């Protein structure tokens, strides 16, 4: 039973074999909607699919943008990048994207 229809990403537990371009762009759009709704510190986020031949049953994305770390009277805005990995069971793993 959902607590809030607007909370979280759609069920992605059956994504194996469904990597059609339209489906991937839907996932990208849903991720950006959630970021816009719940994480106001992320400014100008963009998300791009990353392809790797060695992990064909995992969707991979790079999320980039700026993050507002302003505290008190000092404005601090930094660039950031993260990898998002969604496996065939719909589990999402987030990790820092080093070197970008």
PDB file of N, CA and C in Angstrom:
ATOM      1  N   UNK A   1       0.842  -1.173   0.000  1.00  0.00           N
ATOM      2  CA  UNK A   1       0.000   0.000   0.000  1.00  0.00           C
ATOM      3  C   UNK A   1       0.890   1.239   0.000  1.00  0.00           C
ATOM      4  N   UNK A   2       0.809   2.052  -1.022  1.00  0.00           N
ATOM      5  CA  UNK A   2       1.670   3.242  -1.063  1.00  0.00           C
ATOM      6  C   UNK A   2       1.278   4.269  -0.006  1.00  0.00           C
ATOM      7  N   UNK A   3       2.293   4.866   0.587  1.00  0.00           N
ATOM      8  CA  UNK A   3       2.067   5.916   1.576  1.00  0.00           C
ATOM      9  C   UNK A   3       1.705   7.221   0.886  1.00  0.00           C
ATOM     10  N   UNK A   4       2.411   7.524  -0.200  1.00  0.00           N
ATOM     11  CA  UNK A   4       2.217   8.771  -0.935  1.00  0.00           C
ATOM     12  C   UNK A   4       2.489   8.486  -2.412  1.00  0.00           C
ATOM     13  N   UNK A   5       1.520   8.734  -3.250  1.00  0.00           N
ATOM     14  CA  UNK A   5       1.668   8.450  -4.682  1.00  0.00           C
ATOM     15  C   UNK A   5       2.787   9.251  -5.330  1.00  0.00           C
ATOM     16  N   UNK A   6       3.168  10.378  -4.750  1.00  0.00           N
ATOM     17  CA  UNK A   6       4.214  11.234  -5.304  1.00  0.00           C
ATOM     18  C   UNK A   6       5.610  10.871  -4.789  1.00  0.00           C
ATOM     19  N   UNK A   7       5.720   9.917  -3.850  1.00  0.00           N
ATOM     20  CA  UNK A   7       6.994   9.611  -3.215  1.00  0.00           C
ATOM     21  C   UNK A   7       7.692   8.456  -3.921  1.00  0.00           C
ATOM     22  N   UNK A   8       8.958   8.654  -4.258  1.00  0.00           N
ATOM     23  CA  UNK A   8       9.783   7.586  -4.799  1.00  0.00           C
ATOM     24  C   UNK A   8       9.626   7.375  -6.292  1.00  0.00           C
ATOM     25  N   UNK A   9      10.493   6.523  -6.804  1.00  0.00           N
ATOM     26  CA  UNK A   9      10.496   6.196  -8.222  1.00  0.00           C
ATOM     27  C   UNK A   9       9.490   5.089  -8.515  1.00  0.00           C
ATOM     28  N   UNK A  10       9.030   4.987  -9.751  1.00  0.00           N
ATOM     29  CA  UNK A  10       8.155   3.872 -10.118  1.00  0.00           C
ATOM     30  C   UNK A  10       8.874   2.541  -9.907  1.00  0.00           C
ATOM     31  N   UNK A  11       8.115   1.467  -9.808  1.00  0.00           N
ATOM     32  CA  UNK A  11       8.681   0.130  -9.638  1.00  0.00           C
ATOM     33  C   UNK A  11       9.541  -0.212 -10.843  1.00  0.00           C
ATOM     34  N   UNK A  12      10.806  -0.522 -10.592  1.00  0.00           N
ATOM     35  CA  UNK A  12      11.718  -0.869 -11.681  1.00  0.00           C
ATOM     36  C   UNK A  12      12.232  -2.290 -11.524  1.00  0.00           C
ATOM     37  N   UNK A  13      11.457  -3.144 -10.841  1.00  0.00           N
ATOM     38  CA  UNK A  13      11.924  -4.498 -10.554  1.00  0.00           C
ATOM     39  C   UNK A  13      11.884  -5.418 -11.774  1.00  0.00           C
ATOM     40  N   UNK A  14      11.350  -4.972 -12.883  1.00  0.00           N
ATOM     41  CA  UNK A  14      11.276  -5.815 -14.067  1.00  0.00           C
ATOM     42  C   UNK A  14      11.894  -5.107 -15.271  1.00  0.00           C
ATOM     43  N   UNK A  15      13.089  -4.546 -15.082  1.00  0.00           N
ATOM     44  CA  UNK A  15      13.678  -3.771 -16.175  1.00  0.00           C
ATOM     45  C   UNK A  15      14.574  -4.588 -17.096  1.00  0.00           C
ATOM     46  N   UNK A  16      14.949  -5.793 -16.699  1.00  0.00           N
ATOM     47  CA  UNK A  16      15.828  -6.602 -17.556  1.00  0.00           C
ATOM     48  C   UNK A  16      15.153  -6.836 -18.897  1.00  0.00           C
ATOM     49  N   UNK A  17      15.846  -6.554 -19.977  1.00  0.00           N
ATOM     50  CA  UNK A  17      15.295  -6.744 -21.308  1.00  0.00           C
ATOM     51  C   UNK A  17      14.393  -5.618 -21.770  1.00  0.00           C
ATOM     52  N   UNK A  18      14.266  -4.556 -20.960  1.00  0.00           N
ATOM     53  CA  UNK A  18      13.374  -3.449 -21.310  1.00  0.00           C
ATOM     54  C   UNK A  18      14.151  -2.157 -21.495  1.00  0.00           C
ATOM     55  N   UNK A  19      15.324  -2.213 -22.053  1.00  0.00           N
ATOM     56  CA  UNK A  19      16.173  -1.035 -22.126  1.00  0.00           C
ATOM     57  C   UNK A  19      15.910  -0.221 -23.385  1.00  0.00           C
ATOM     58  N   UNK A  20      14.694  -0.210 -23.845  1.00  0.00           N
ATOM     59  CA  UNK A  20      14.346   0.590 -25.017  1.00  0.00           C
ATOM     60  C   UNK A  20      14.583   2.057 -24.714  1.00  0.00           C
ATOM     61  N   UNK A  21      14.897   2.819 -25.729  1.00  0.00           N
ATOM     62  CA  UNK A  21      15.229   4.232 -25.553  1.00  0.00           C
ATOM     63  C   UNK A  21      14.117   4.982 -24.826  1.00  0.00           C
ATOM     64  N   UNK A  22      12.878   4.753 -25.165  1.00  0.00           N
ATOM     65  CA  UNK A  22      11.767   5.434 -24.505  1.00  0.00           C
ATOM     66  C   UNK A  22      11.692   5.119 -23.033  1.00  0.00           C
ATOM     67  N   UNK A  23      11.924   3.863 -22.672  1.00  0.00           N
ATOM     68  CA  UNK A  23      11.868   3.453 -21.271  1.00  0.00           C
ATOM     69  C   UNK A  23      12.989   4.108 -20.474  1.00  0.00           C
ATOM     70  N   UNK A  24      14.181   4.133 -21.024  1.00  0.00           N
ATOM     71  CA  UNK A  24      15.328   4.757 -20.346  1.00  0.00           C
ATOM     72  C   UNK A  24      15.081   6.251 -20.147  1.00  0.00           C
ATOM     73  N   UNK A  25      14.547   6.922 -21.153  1.00  0.00           N
ATOM     74  CA  UNK A  25      14.282   8.355 -21.005  1.00  0.00           C
ATOM     75  C   UNK A  25      13.184   8.604 -19.966  1.00  0.00           C
ATOM     76  N   UNK A  26      12.234   7.675 -19.813  1.00  0.00           N
ATOM     77  CA  UNK A  26      11.226   7.783 -18.752  1.00  0.00           C
ATOM     78  C   UNK A  26      11.879   7.707 -17.369  1.00  0.00           C
ATOM     79  N   UNK A  27      12.819   6.788 -17.216  1.00  0.00           N
ATOM     80  CA  UNK A  27      13.528   6.653 -15.936  1.00  0.00           C
ATOM     81  C   UNK A  27      14.318   7.925 -15.651  1.00  0.00           C
ATOM     82  N   UNK A  28      15.014   8.441 -16.649  1.00  0.00           N
ATOM     83  CA  UNK A  28      15.774   9.675 -16.465  1.00  0.00           C
ATOM     84  C   UNK A  28      14.861  10.819 -16.026  1.00  0.00           C
ATOM     85  N   UNK A  29      13.730  10.952 -16.682  1.00  0.00           N
ATOM     86  CA  UNK A  29      12.773  12.006 -16.345  1.00  0.00           C
ATOM     87  C   UNK A  29      12.250  11.835 -14.912  1.00  0.00           C
ATOM     88  N   UNK A  30      11.923  10.613 -14.509  1.00  0.00           N
ATOM     89  CA  UNK A  30      11.425  10.355 -13.157  1.00  0.00           C
ATOM     90  C   UNK A  30      12.479  10.695 -12.095  1.00  0.00           C
ATOM     91  N   UNK A  31      13.730  10.368 -12.370  1.00  0.00           N
ATOM     92  CA  UNK A  31      14.804  10.693 -11.423  1.00  0.00           C
ATOM     93  C   UNK A  31      14.915  12.204 -11.257  1.00  0.00           C
ATOM     94  N   UNK A  32      14.884  12.941 -12.365  1.00  0.00           N
ATOM     95  CA  UNK A  32      14.971  14.406 -12.286  1.00  0.00           C
ATOM     96  C   UNK A  32      13.764  15.014 -11.577  1.00  0.00           C
ATOM     97  N   UNK A  33      12.588  14.437 -11.751  1.00  0.00           N
ATOM     98  CA  UNK A  33      11.396  14.920 -11.042  1.00  0.00           C
ATOM     99  C   UNK A  33      11.573  14.734  -9.540  1.00  0.00           C
ATOM    100  N   UNK A  34      12.084  13.568  -9.126  1.00  0.00           N
ATOM    101  CA  UNK A  34      12.294  13.314  -7.694  1.00  0.00           C
ATOM    102  C   UNK A  34      13.346  14.258  -7.111  1.00  0.00           C
ATOM    103  N   UNK A  35      14.408  14.506  -7.855  1.00  0.00           N
ATOM    104  CA  UNK A  35      15.448  15.432  -7.393  1.00  0.00           C
ATOM    105  C   UNK A  35      14.862  16.826  -7.218  1.00  0.00           C
ATOM    106  N   UNK A  36      14.111  17.279  -8.206  1.00  0.00           N
ATOM    107  CA  UNK A  36      13.508  18.607  -8.143  1.00  0.00           C
ATOM    108  C   UNK A  36      12.555  18.725  -6.954  1.00  0.00           C
ATOM    109  N   UNK A  37      11.841  17.656  -6.679  1.00  0.00           N
ATOM    110  CA  UNK A  37      10.839  17.678  -5.605  1.00  0.00           C
ATOM    111  C   UNK A  37      11.461  17.576  -4.211  1.00  0.00           C
ATOM    112  N   UNK A  38      12.480  16.728  -4.045  1.00  0.00           N
ATOM    113  CA  UNK A  38      12.990  16.422  -2.708  1.00  0.00           C
ATOM    114  C   UNK A  38      14.371  16.968  -2.382  1.00  0.00           C
ATOM    115  N   UNK A  39      15.142  17.373  -3.358  1.00  0.00           N
ATOM    116  CA  UNK A  39      16.510  17.816  -3.067  1.00  0.00           C
ATOM    117  C   UNK A  39      16.750  19.184  -3.670  1.00  0.00           C
ATOM    118  N   UNK A  40      16.312  20.208  -2.957  1.00  0.00           N
ATOM    119  CA  UNK A  40      16.395  21.591  -3.448  1.00  0.00           C
ATOM    120  C   UNK A  40      17.836  22.111  -3.523  1.00  0.00           C
ATOM    121  N   UNK A  41      18.775  21.445  -2.854  1.00  0.00           N
ATOM    122  CA  UNK A  41      20.177  21.891  -2.909  1.00  0.00           C
ATOM    123  C   UNK A  41      20.834  21.579  -4.243  1.00  0.00           C
ATOM    124  N   UNK A  42      20.300  20.627  -5.002  1.00  0.00           N
ATOM    125  CA  UNK A  42      20.867  20.285  -6.305  1.00  0.00           C
ATOM    126  C   UNK A  42      20.376  21.276  -7.350  1.00  0.00           C
ATOM    127  N   UNK A  43      21.311  21.963  -7.961  1.00  0.00           N
ATOM    128  CA  UNK A  43      20.997  22.995  -8.951  1.00  0.00           C
ATOM    129  C   UNK A  43      21.393  22.505 -10.338  1.00  0.00           C
ATOM    130  N   UNK A  44      20.529  22.728 -11.308  1.00  0.00           N
ATOM    131  CA  UNK A  44      20.798  22.380 -12.706  1.00  0.00           C
ATOM    132  C   UNK A  44      21.214  20.921 -12.891  1.00  0.00           C
ATOM    133  N   UNK A  45      20.492  19.971 -12.305  1.00  0.00           N
ATOM    134  CA  UNK A  45      20.898  18.576 -12.483  1.00  0.00           C
ATOM    135  C   UNK A  45      20.646  18.084 -13.902  1.00  0.00           C
ATOM    136  N   UNK A  46      21.559  17.275 -14.403  1.00  0.00           N
ATOM    137  CA  UNK A  46      21.388  16.602 -15.685  1.00  0.00           C
ATOM    138  C   UNK A  46      21.716  15.130 -15.482  1.00  0.00           C
ATOM    139  N   UNK A  47      21.098  14.297 -16.277  1.00  0.00           N
ATOM    140  CA  UNK A  47      21.342  12.857 -16.157  1.00  0.00           C
ATOM    141  C   UNK A  47      21.532  12.281 -17.548  1.00  0.00           C
ATOM    142  N   UNK A  48      22.563  11.442 -17.690  1.00  0.00           N
ATOM    143  CA  UNK A  48      22.866  10.816 -18.972  1.00  0.00           C
ATOM    144  C   UNK A  48      23.096   9.335 -18.746  1.00  0.00           C
ATOM    145  N   UNK A  49      22.656   8.541 -19.706  1.00  0.00           N
ATOM    146  CA  UNK A  49      22.900   7.105 -19.628  1.00  0.00           C
ATOM    147  C   UNK A  49      24.359   6.826 -19.959  1.00  0.00           C
ATOM    148  N   UNK A  50      24.947   5.880 -19.228  1.00  0.00           N
ATOM    149  CA  UNK A  50      26.310   5.433 -19.454  1.00  0.00           C
ATOM    150  C   UNK A  50      26.226   3.981 -19.907  1.00  0.00           C
ATOM    151  N   UNK A  51      26.908   3.641 -20.977  1.00  0.00           N
ATOM    152  CA  UNK A  51      26.876   2.249 -21.445  1.00  0.00           C
ATOM    153  C   UNK A  51      28.223   1.599 -21.211  1.00  0.00           C
ATOM    154  N   UNK A  52      28.164   0.372 -20.733  1.00  0.00           N
ATOM    155  CA  UNK A  52      29.357  -0.444 -20.515  1.00  0.00           C
ATOM    156  C   UNK A  52      29.055  -1.826 -21.062  1.00  0.00           C
ATOM    157  N   UNK A  53      29.951  -2.374 -21.817  1.00  0.00           N
ATOM    158  CA  UNK A  53      29.726  -3.692 -22.390  1.00  0.00           C
ATOM    159  C   UNK A  53      29.773  -4.803 -21.357  1.00  0.00           C
ATOM    160  N   UNK A  54      30.485  -4.606 -20.253  1.00  0.00           N
ATOM    161  CA  UNK A  54      30.641  -5.692 -19.287  1.00  0.00           C
ATOM    162  C   UNK A  54      29.441  -5.856 -18.361  1.00  0.00           C
ATOM    163  N   UNK A  55      28.582  -4.871 -18.233  1.00  0.00           N
ATOM    164  CA  UNK A  55      27.402  -4.964 -17.377  1.00  0.00           C
ATOM    165  C   UNK A  55      26.151  -4.655 -18.205  1.00  0.00           C
ATOM    166  N   UNK A  56      25.719  -5.602 -18.998  1.00  0.00           N
ATOM    167  CA  UNK A  56      24.626  -5.339 -19.923  1.00  0.00           C
ATOM    168  C   UNK A  56      23.247  -5.407 -19.282  1.00  0.00           C
ATOM    169  N   UNK A  57      23.120  -5.979 -18.084  1.00  0.00           N
ATOM    170  CA  UNK A  57      21.804  -6.050 -17.444  1.00  0.00           C
ATOM    171  C   UNK A  57      21.644  -5.015 -16.334  1.00  0.00           C
ATOM    172  N   UNK A  58      22.492  -4.013 -16.339  1.00  0.00           N
ATOM    173  CA  UNK A  58      22.401  -2.924 -15.373  1.00  0.00           C
ATOM    174  C   UNK A  58      22.299  -1.606 -16.132  1.00  0.00           C
ATOM    175  N   UNK A  59      21.302  -0.796 -15.760  1.00  0.00           N
ATOM    176  CA  UNK A  59      21.228   0.556 -16.313  1.00  0.00           C
ATOM    177  C   UNK A  59      22.147   1.448 -15.510  1.00  0.00           C
ATOM    178  N   UNK A  60      22.946   2.237 -16.197  1.00  0.00           N
ATOM    179  CA  UNK A  60      23.878   3.129 -15.517  1.00  0.00           C
ATOM    180  C   UNK A  60      23.659   4.551 -16.017  1.00  0.00           C
ATOM    181  N   UNK A  61      23.700   5.485 -15.061  1.00  0.00           N
ATOM    182  CA  UNK A  61      23.533   6.893 -15.378  1.00  0.00           C
ATOM    183  C   UNK A  61      24.590   7.695 -14.646  1.00  0.00           C
ATOM    184  N   UNK A  62      24.904   8.857 -15.180  1.00  0.00           N
ATOM    185  CA  UNK A  62      25.737   9.824 -14.468  1.00  0.00           C
ATOM    186  C   UNK A  62      24.854  11.042 -14.220  1.00  0.00           C
ATOM    187  N   UNK A  63      24.795  11.436 -12.972  1.00  0.00           N
ATOM    188  CA  UNK A  63      24.024  12.599 -12.543  1.00  0.00           C
ATOM    189  C   UNK A  63      25.017  13.704 -12.238  1.00  0.00           C
ATOM    190  N   UNK A  64      24.895  14.838 -12.909  1.00  0.00           N
ATOM    191  CA  UNK A  64      25.814  15.951 -12.697  1.00  0.00           C
ATOM    192  C   UNK A  64      25.032  17.232 -12.446  1.00  0.00           C
ATOM    193  N   UNK A  65      25.711  18.190 -11.891  1.00  0.00           N
ATOM    194  CA  UNK A  65      25.103  19.485 -11.635  1.00  0.00           C
ATOM    195  C   UNK A  65      25.904  20.248 -10.604  1.00  0.00           C
ATOM    196  N   UNK A  66      25.224  21.104  -9.879  1.00  0.00           N
ATOM    197  CA  UNK A  66      25.834  21.877  -8.806  1.00  0.00           C
ATOM    198  C   UNK A  66      25.064  21.613  -7.518  1.00  0.00           C
ATOM    199  N   UNK A  67      25.748  21.708  -6.403  1.00  0.00           N
ATOM    200  CA  UNK A  67      25.088  21.536  -5.123  1.00  0.00           C
ATOM    201  C   UNK A  67      25.341  22.775  -4.271  1.00  0.00           C
ATOM    202  N   UNK A  68      24.283  23.276  -3.678  1.00  0.00           N
ATOM    203  CA  UNK A  68      24.351  24.479  -2.843  1.00  0.00           C
ATOM    204  C   UNK A  68      24.663  24.050  -1.416  1.00  0.00           C
ATOM    205  N   UNK A  69      25.869  24.341  -0.965  1.00  0.00           N
ATOM    206  CA  UNK A  69      26.315  24.000   0.388  1.00  0.00           C
ATOM    207  C   UNK A  69      26.352  25.237   1.277  1.00  0.00           C
ATOM    208  N   UNK A  70      25.599  26.254   0.894  1.00  0.00           N
ATOM    209  CA  UNK A  70      25.597  27.522   1.611  1.00  0.00           C
ATOM    210  C   UNK A  70      25.176  27.308   3.052  1.00  0.00           C
ATOM    211  N   UNK A  71      25.949  27.880   3.946  1.00  0.00           N
ATOM    212  CA  UNK A  71      25.622  27.843   5.369  1.00  0.00           C
ATOM    213  C   UNK A  71      25.935  29.202   5.965  1.00  0.00           C
ATOM    214  N   UNK A  72      24.990  29.759   6.693  1.00  0.00           N
ATOM    215  CA  UNK A  72      25.232  31.084   7.265  1.00  0.00           C
ATOM    216  C   UNK A  72      25.282  32.133   6.177  1.00  0.00           C
ATOM    217  N   UNK A  73      26.282  33.003   6.244  1.00  0.00           N
ATOM    218  CA  UNK A  73      26.368  34.124   5.309  1.00  0.00           C
ATOM    219  C   UNK A  73      27.292  33.862   4.128  1.00  0.00           C
ATOM    220  N   UNK A  74      27.913  32.683   4.068  1.00  0.00           N
ATOM    221  CA  UNK A  74      28.859  32.367   2.994  1.00  0.00           C
ATOM    222  C   UNK A  74      28.183  31.454   1.970  1.00  0.00           C
ATOM    223  N   UNK A  75      28.124  31.926   0.708  1.00  0.00           N
ATOM    224  CA  UNK A  75      27.542  31.113  -0.354  1.00  0.00           C
ATOM    225  C   UNK A  75      28.591  30.143  -0.883  1.00  0.00           C
ATOM    226  N   UNK A  76      28.254  28.867  -0.879  1.00  0.00           N
ATOM    227  CA  UNK A  76      29.169  27.844  -1.374  1.00  0.00           C
ATOM    228  C   UNK A  76      28.401  26.949  -2.350  1.00  0.00           C
ATOM    229  N   UNK A  77      28.796  26.987  -3.605  1.00  0.00           N
ATOM    230  CA  UNK A  77      28.185  26.138  -4.628  1.00  0.00           C
ATOM    231  C   UNK A  77      29.309  25.348  -5.292  1.00  0.00           C
ATOM    232  N   UNK A  78      29.158  24.019  -5.300  1.00  0.00           N
ATOM    233  CA  UNK A  78      30.193  23.133  -5.839  1.00  0.00           C
ATOM    234  C   UNK A  78      29.603  22.260  -6.935  1.00  0.00           C
ATOM    235  N   UNK A  79      30.463  21.858  -7.863  1.00  0.00           N
ATOM    236  CA  UNK A  79      30.056  20.895  -8.884  1.00  0.00           C
ATOM    237  C   UNK A  79      30.022  19.505  -8.255  1.00  0.00           C
ATOM    238  N   UNK A  80      29.155  18.652  -8.758  1.00  0.00           N
ATOM    239  CA  UNK A  80      29.115  17.275  -8.266  1.00  0.00           C
ATOM    240  C   UNK A  80      28.799  16.335  -9.428  1.00  0.00           C
ATOM    241  N   UNK A  81      29.124  15.072  -9.224  1.00  0.00           N
ATOM    242  CA  UNK A  81      28.724  14.022 -10.162  1.00  0.00           C
ATOM    243  C   UNK A  81      28.591  12.715  -9.392  1.00  0.00           C
ATOM    244  N   UNK A  82      27.581  11.951  -9.747  1.00  0.00           N
ATOM    245  CA  UNK A  82      27.302  10.667  -9.106  1.00  0.00           C
ATOM    246  C   UNK A  82      26.934   9.649 -10.172  1.00  0.00           C
ATOM    247  N   UNK A  83      27.291   8.386  -9.906  1.00  0.00           N
ATOM    248  CA  UNK A  83      26.819   7.285 -10.725  1.00  0.00           C
ATOM    249  C   UNK A  83      25.588   6.702 -10.075  1.00  0.00           C
ATOM    250  N   UNK A  84      24.570   6.406 -10.879  1.00  0.00           N
ATOM    251  CA  UNK A  84      23.377   5.691 -10.429  1.00  0.00           C
ATOM    252  C   UNK A  84      23.345   4.386 -11.210  1.00  0.00           C
ATOM    253  N   UNK A  85      23.224   3.276 -10.503  1.00  0.00           N
ATOM    254  CA  UNK A  85      23.151   1.966 -11.149  1.00  0.00           C
ATOM    255  C   UNK A  85      21.850   1.294 -10.732  1.00  0.00           C
ATOM    256  N   UNK A  86      21.096   0.834 -11.709  1.00  0.00           N
ATOM    257  CA  UNK A  86      19.834   0.141 -11.447  1.00  0.00           C
ATOM    258  C   UNK A  86      19.974  -1.259 -12.022  1.00  0.00           C
ATOM    259  N   UNK A  87      19.958  -2.278 -11.135  1.00  0.00           N
ATOM    260  CA  UNK A  87      20.140  -3.639 -11.631  1.00  0.00           C
ATOM    261  C   UNK A  87      18.813  -4.239 -12.080  1.00  0.00           C
ATOM    262  N   UNK A  88      18.851  -5.461 -12.577  1.00  0.00           N
ATOM    263  CA  UNK A  88      17.664  -6.093 -13.147  1.00  0.00           C
ATOM    264  C   UNK A  88      16.582  -6.370 -12.104  1.00  0.00           C
ATOM    265  N   UNK A  89      16.917  -6.311 -10.814  1.00  0.00           N
ATOM    266  CA  UNK A  89      15.924  -6.484  -9.750  1.00  0.00           C
ATOM    267  C   UNK A  89      15.316  -5.146  -9.323  1.00  0.00           C
ATOM    268  N   UNK A  90      15.753  -4.050  -9.951  1.00  0.00           N
ATOM    269  CA  UNK A  90      15.227  -2.735  -9.620  1.00  0.00           C
ATOM    270  C   UNK A  90      15.934  -2.043  -8.480  1.00  0.00           C
ATOM    271  N   UNK A  91      17.011  -2.646  -7.967  1.00  0.00           N
ATOM    272  CA  UNK A  91      17.771  -2.018  -6.879  1.00  0.00           C
ATOM    273  C   UNK A  91      18.628  -0.894  -7.440  1.00  0.00           C
ATOM    274  N   UNK A  92      18.640   0.231  -6.717  1.00  0.00           N
ATOM    275  CA  UNK A  92      19.396   1.405  -7.147  1.00  0.00           C
ATOM    276  C   UNK A  92      20.599   1.577  -6.234  1.00  0.00           C
ATOM    277  N   UNK A  93      21.768   1.758  -6.830  1.00  0.00           N
ATOM    278  CA  UNK A  93      22.996   2.032  -6.068  1.00  0.00           C
ATOM    279  C   UNK A  93      23.531   3.382  -6.522  1.00  0.00           C
ATOM    280  N   UNK A  94      23.891   4.219  -5.563  1.00  0.00           N
ATOM    281  CA  UNK A  94      24.409   5.555  -5.848  1.00  0.00           C
ATOM    282  C   UNK A  94      25.842   5.620  -5.327  1.00  0.00           C
ATOM    283  N   UNK A  95      26.755   6.140  -6.146  1.00  0.00           N
ATOM    284  CA  UNK A  95      28.154   6.289  -5.721  1.00  0.00           C
ATOM    285  C   UNK A  95      28.759   7.530  -6.351  1.00  0.00           C
ATOM    286  N   UNK A  96      29.744   8.082  -5.715  1.00  0.00           N
ATOM    287  CA  UNK A  96      30.437   9.246  -6.260  1.00  0.00           C
ATOM    288  C   UNK A  96      31.125   8.878  -7.559  1.00  0.00           C
ATOM    289  N   UNK A  97      31.111   9.787  -8.498  1.00  0.00           N
ATOM    290  CA  UNK A  97      31.798   9.593  -9.780  1.00  0.00           C
ATOM    291  C   UNK A  97      33.135  10.308  -9.685  1.00  0.00           C
ATOM    292  N   UNK A  98      34.161   9.589  -9.347  1.00  0.00           N
ATOM    293  CA  UNK A  98      35.494  10.168  -9.192  1.00  0.00           C
ATOM    294  C   UNK A  98      36.113  10.471 -10.551  1.00  0.00           C
ATOM    295  N   UNK A  99      36.848  11.542 -10.604  1.00  0.00           N
ATOM    296  CA  UNK A  99      37.575  11.886 -11.805  1.00  0.00           C
ATOM    297  C   UNK A  99      36.751  12.603 -12.868  1.00  0.00           C
ATOM    298  N   UNK A 100      35.536  13.037 -12.503  1.00  0.00           N
ATOM    299  CA  UNK A 100      34.730  13.763 -13.490  1.00  0.00           C
ATOM    300  C   UNK A 100      34.599  15.202 -13.104  1.00  0.00           C
TER     301      UNK A 100
END
